């Protein structure tokens, strides 16, 4: 049950974090995500940040975490694909606009 909660929470958090990109917001504010990330850690000492980063890197090596992370990536791709299809269904004339957009960095579009 804990695994389902972890995956559900991860999916929800990722969806919320990535929603501005999916819905096209944030383009007028480059670096907004980075600024938010920096603000979250602003009150930590350099030693605390280093410890947190080391723990994060170690946790990312855990097979359970890797599996959950891959599921989040796949869910994000499915969300993007569904959004793309729904946008085209709502207005097929946007295809040329979508064609102008650069592909995702990871190339999984």
C-alpha atoms as a PDB file:
ATOM      1  CA  UNK A   1       0.000   0.000   0.000  1.00  0.00           C
ATOM      2  CA  UNK A   2       2.895   2.335   0.724  1.00  0.00           C
ATOM      3  CA  UNK A   3       4.196   1.827  -2.816  1.00  0.00           C
ATOM      4  CA  UNK A   4       0.855   2.842  -4.315  1.00  0.00           C
ATOM      5  CA  UNK A   5       0.830   5.941  -2.147  1.00  0.00           C
ATOM      6  CA  UNK A   6       4.390   6.800  -3.162  1.00  0.00           C
ATOM      7  CA  UNK A   7       3.626   6.375  -6.849  1.00  0.00           C
ATOM      8  CA  UNK A   8       0.358   8.282  -6.616  1.00  0.00           C
ATOM      9  CA  UNK A   9       2.006  11.118  -4.738  1.00  0.00           C
ATOM     10  CA  UNK A  10       4.906  11.179  -7.197  1.00  0.00           C
ATOM     11  CA  UNK A  11       2.550  11.276 -10.162  1.00  0.00           C
ATOM     12  CA  UNK A  12       0.472  14.026  -8.630  1.00  0.00           C
ATOM     13  CA  UNK A  13       3.503  16.104  -7.681  1.00  0.00           C
ATOM     14  CA  UNK A  14       5.048  15.681 -11.103  1.00  0.00           C
ATOM     15  CA  UNK A  15       1.811  16.531 -12.841  1.00  0.00           C
ATOM     16  CA  UNK A  16       1.405  19.665 -10.789  1.00  0.00           C
ATOM     17  CA  UNK A  17       5.019  20.648 -11.281  1.00  0.00           C
ATOM     18  CA  UNK A  18       4.857  20.076 -15.023  1.00  0.00           C
ATOM     19  CA  UNK A  19       1.368  21.447 -15.646  1.00  0.00           C
ATOM     20  CA  UNK A  20       2.596  24.932 -16.635  1.00  0.00           C
ATOM     21  CA  UNK A  21       4.717  23.375 -19.380  1.00  0.00           C
ATOM     22  CA  UNK A  22       1.874  21.224 -20.651  1.00  0.00           C
ATOM     23  CA  UNK A  23      -0.564  24.121 -20.750  1.00  0.00           C
ATOM     24  CA  UNK A  24       1.945  26.527 -22.248  1.00  0.00           C
ATOM     25  CA  UNK A  25       2.344  28.781 -19.248  1.00  0.00           C
ATOM     26  CA  UNK A  26       5.613  30.079 -17.956  1.00  0.00           C
ATOM     27  CA  UNK A  27       7.090  30.807 -21.376  1.00  0.00           C
ATOM     28  CA  UNK A  28       7.069  34.500 -20.557  1.00  0.00           C
ATOM     29  CA  UNK A  29       9.125  33.846 -17.434  1.00  0.00           C
ATOM     30  CA  UNK A  30      12.212  31.828 -18.312  1.00  0.00           C
ATOM     31  CA  UNK A  31      13.841  30.249 -15.309  1.00  0.00           C
ATOM     32  CA  UNK A  32      10.681  30.363 -13.207  1.00  0.00           C
ATOM     33  CA  UNK A  33      11.067  26.708 -12.209  1.00  0.00           C
ATOM     34  CA  UNK A  34      14.727  27.242 -11.316  1.00  0.00           C
ATOM     35  CA  UNK A  35      13.824  30.274  -9.215  1.00  0.00           C
ATOM     36  CA  UNK A  36      11.174  28.259  -7.358  1.00  0.00           C
ATOM     37  CA  UNK A  37      13.693  25.462  -6.813  1.00  0.00           C
ATOM     38  CA  UNK A  38      16.265  27.902  -5.420  1.00  0.00           C
ATOM     39  CA  UNK A  39      13.696  29.508  -3.119  1.00  0.00           C
ATOM     40  CA  UNK A  40      12.833  26.124  -1.603  1.00  0.00           C
ATOM     41  CA  UNK A  41      16.430  25.600  -0.551  1.00  0.00           C
ATOM     42  CA  UNK A  42      17.312  29.194   0.312  1.00  0.00           C
ATOM     43  CA  UNK A  43      17.094  28.669   4.070  1.00  0.00           C
ATOM     44  CA  UNK A  44      19.428  25.644   4.050  1.00  0.00           C
ATOM     45  CA  UNK A  45      23.110  25.855   4.828  1.00  0.00           C
ATOM     46  CA  UNK A  46      25.552  24.678   2.151  1.00  0.00           C
ATOM     47  CA  UNK A  47      26.231  21.593   4.279  1.00  0.00           C
ATOM     48  CA  UNK A  48      22.506  20.813   4.510  1.00  0.00           C
ATOM     49  CA  UNK A  49      22.110  21.251   0.760  1.00  0.00           C
ATOM     50  CA  UNK A  50      25.046  18.943   0.132  1.00  0.00           C
ATOM     51  CA  UNK A  51      23.622  16.293   2.485  1.00  0.00           C
ATOM     52  CA  UNK A  52      20.226  16.566   0.850  1.00  0.00           C
ATOM     53  CA  UNK A  53      21.728  16.250  -2.645  1.00  0.00           C
ATOM     54  CA  UNK A  54      23.807  13.220  -1.599  1.00  0.00           C
ATOM     55  CA  UNK A  55      20.742  11.545  -0.082  1.00  0.00           C
ATOM     56  CA  UNK A  56      18.749  12.337  -3.230  1.00  0.00           C
ATOM     57  CA  UNK A  57      21.412  10.826  -5.490  1.00  0.00           C
ATOM     58  CA  UNK A  58      21.593   7.708  -3.349  1.00  0.00           C
ATOM     59  CA  UNK A  59      17.799   7.403  -3.273  1.00  0.00           C
ATOM     60  CA  UNK A  60      17.672   7.698  -7.066  1.00  0.00           C
ATOM     61  CA  UNK A  61      19.813   4.535  -7.272  1.00  0.00           C
ATOM     62  CA  UNK A  62      17.174   2.542  -5.399  1.00  0.00           C
ATOM     63  CA  UNK A  63      15.342   0.215  -7.834  1.00  0.00           C
ATOM     64  CA  UNK A  64      11.968   1.082  -6.298  1.00  0.00           C
ATOM     65  CA  UNK A  65      12.591   4.787  -6.803  1.00  0.00           C
ATOM     66  CA  UNK A  66      13.883   4.216 -10.340  1.00  0.00           C
ATOM     67  CA  UNK A  67      10.783   2.222 -11.186  1.00  0.00           C
ATOM     68  CA  UNK A  68       8.477   4.883  -9.758  1.00  0.00           C
ATOM     69  CA  UNK A  69      10.418   7.607 -11.569  1.00  0.00           C
ATOM     70  CA  UNK A  70      10.072   5.779 -14.884  1.00  0.00           C
ATOM     71  CA  UNK A  71       6.330   5.458 -14.275  1.00  0.00           C
ATOM     72  CA  UNK A  72       6.157   9.216 -13.656  1.00  0.00           C
ATOM     73  CA  UNK A  73       8.016   9.880 -16.918  1.00  0.00           C
ATOM     74  CA  UNK A  74       5.684   7.569 -18.804  1.00  0.00           C
ATOM     75  CA  UNK A  75       2.611   9.155 -17.207  1.00  0.00           C
ATOM     76  CA  UNK A  76       3.917  12.600 -18.163  1.00  0.00           C
ATOM     77  CA  UNK A  77       4.397  11.466 -21.765  1.00  0.00           C
ATOM     78  CA  UNK A  78       0.874  10.043 -21.817  1.00  0.00           C
ATOM     79  CA  UNK A  79      -0.471  13.323 -20.433  1.00  0.00           C
ATOM     80  CA  UNK A  80       1.351  15.335 -23.104  1.00  0.00           C
ATOM     81  CA  UNK A  81       0.128  13.013 -25.854  1.00  0.00           C
ATOM     82  CA  UNK A  82      -3.455  13.137 -24.581  1.00  0.00           C
ATOM     83  CA  UNK A  83      -3.304  16.929 -24.284  1.00  0.00           C
ATOM     84  CA  UNK A  84      -1.909  17.220 -27.799  1.00  0.00           C
ATOM     85  CA  UNK A  85      -4.680  15.010 -29.225  1.00  0.00           C
ATOM     86  CA  UNK A  86      -7.394  16.855 -27.281  1.00  0.00           C
ATOM     87  CA  UNK A  87      -6.084  20.234 -28.439  1.00  0.00           C
ATOM     88  CA  UNK A  88      -6.140  19.062 -32.061  1.00  0.00           C
ATOM     89  CA  UNK A  89      -9.642  17.693 -31.591  1.00  0.00           C
ATOM     90  CA  UNK A  90     -10.764  21.018 -30.138  1.00  0.00           C
ATOM     91  CA  UNK A  91      -9.126  23.011 -32.961  1.00  0.00           C
ATOM     92  CA  UNK A  92      -7.532  21.102 -35.850  1.00  0.00           C
ATOM     93  CA  UNK A  93      -6.206  24.363 -37.312  1.00  0.00           C
ATOM     94  CA  UNK A  94      -3.504  24.532 -34.622  1.00  0.00           C
ATOM     95  CA  UNK A  95      -1.481  21.727 -36.252  1.00  0.00           C
ATOM     96  CA  UNK A  96       0.867  24.189 -38.049  1.00  0.00           C
ATOM     97  CA  UNK A  97       1.419  25.976 -34.730  1.00  0.00           C
ATOM     98  CA  UNK A  98       2.241  22.714 -32.958  1.00  0.00           C
ATOM     99  CA  UNK A  99       4.616  21.802 -35.790  1.00  0.00           C
ATOM    100  CA  UNK A 100       6.607  24.978 -35.080  1.00  0.00           C
ATOM    101  CA  UNK A 101       7.232  23.991 -31.472  1.00  0.00           C
ATOM    102  CA  UNK A 102      10.600  22.406 -30.703  1.00  0.00           C
ATOM    103  CA  UNK A 103      10.610  18.760 -29.624  1.00  0.00           C
ATOM    104  CA  UNK A 104      10.978  17.891 -25.975  1.00  0.00           C
ATOM    105  CA  UNK A 105      14.566  17.763 -24.727  1.00  0.00           C
ATOM    106  CA  UNK A 106      14.384  14.045 -24.110  1.00  0.00           C
ATOM    107  CA  UNK A 107      12.935  13.448 -27.574  1.00  0.00           C
ATOM    108  CA  UNK A 108       9.951  11.480 -26.320  1.00  0.00           C
ATOM    109  CA  UNK A 109       7.296  13.598 -27.951  1.00  0.00           C
END
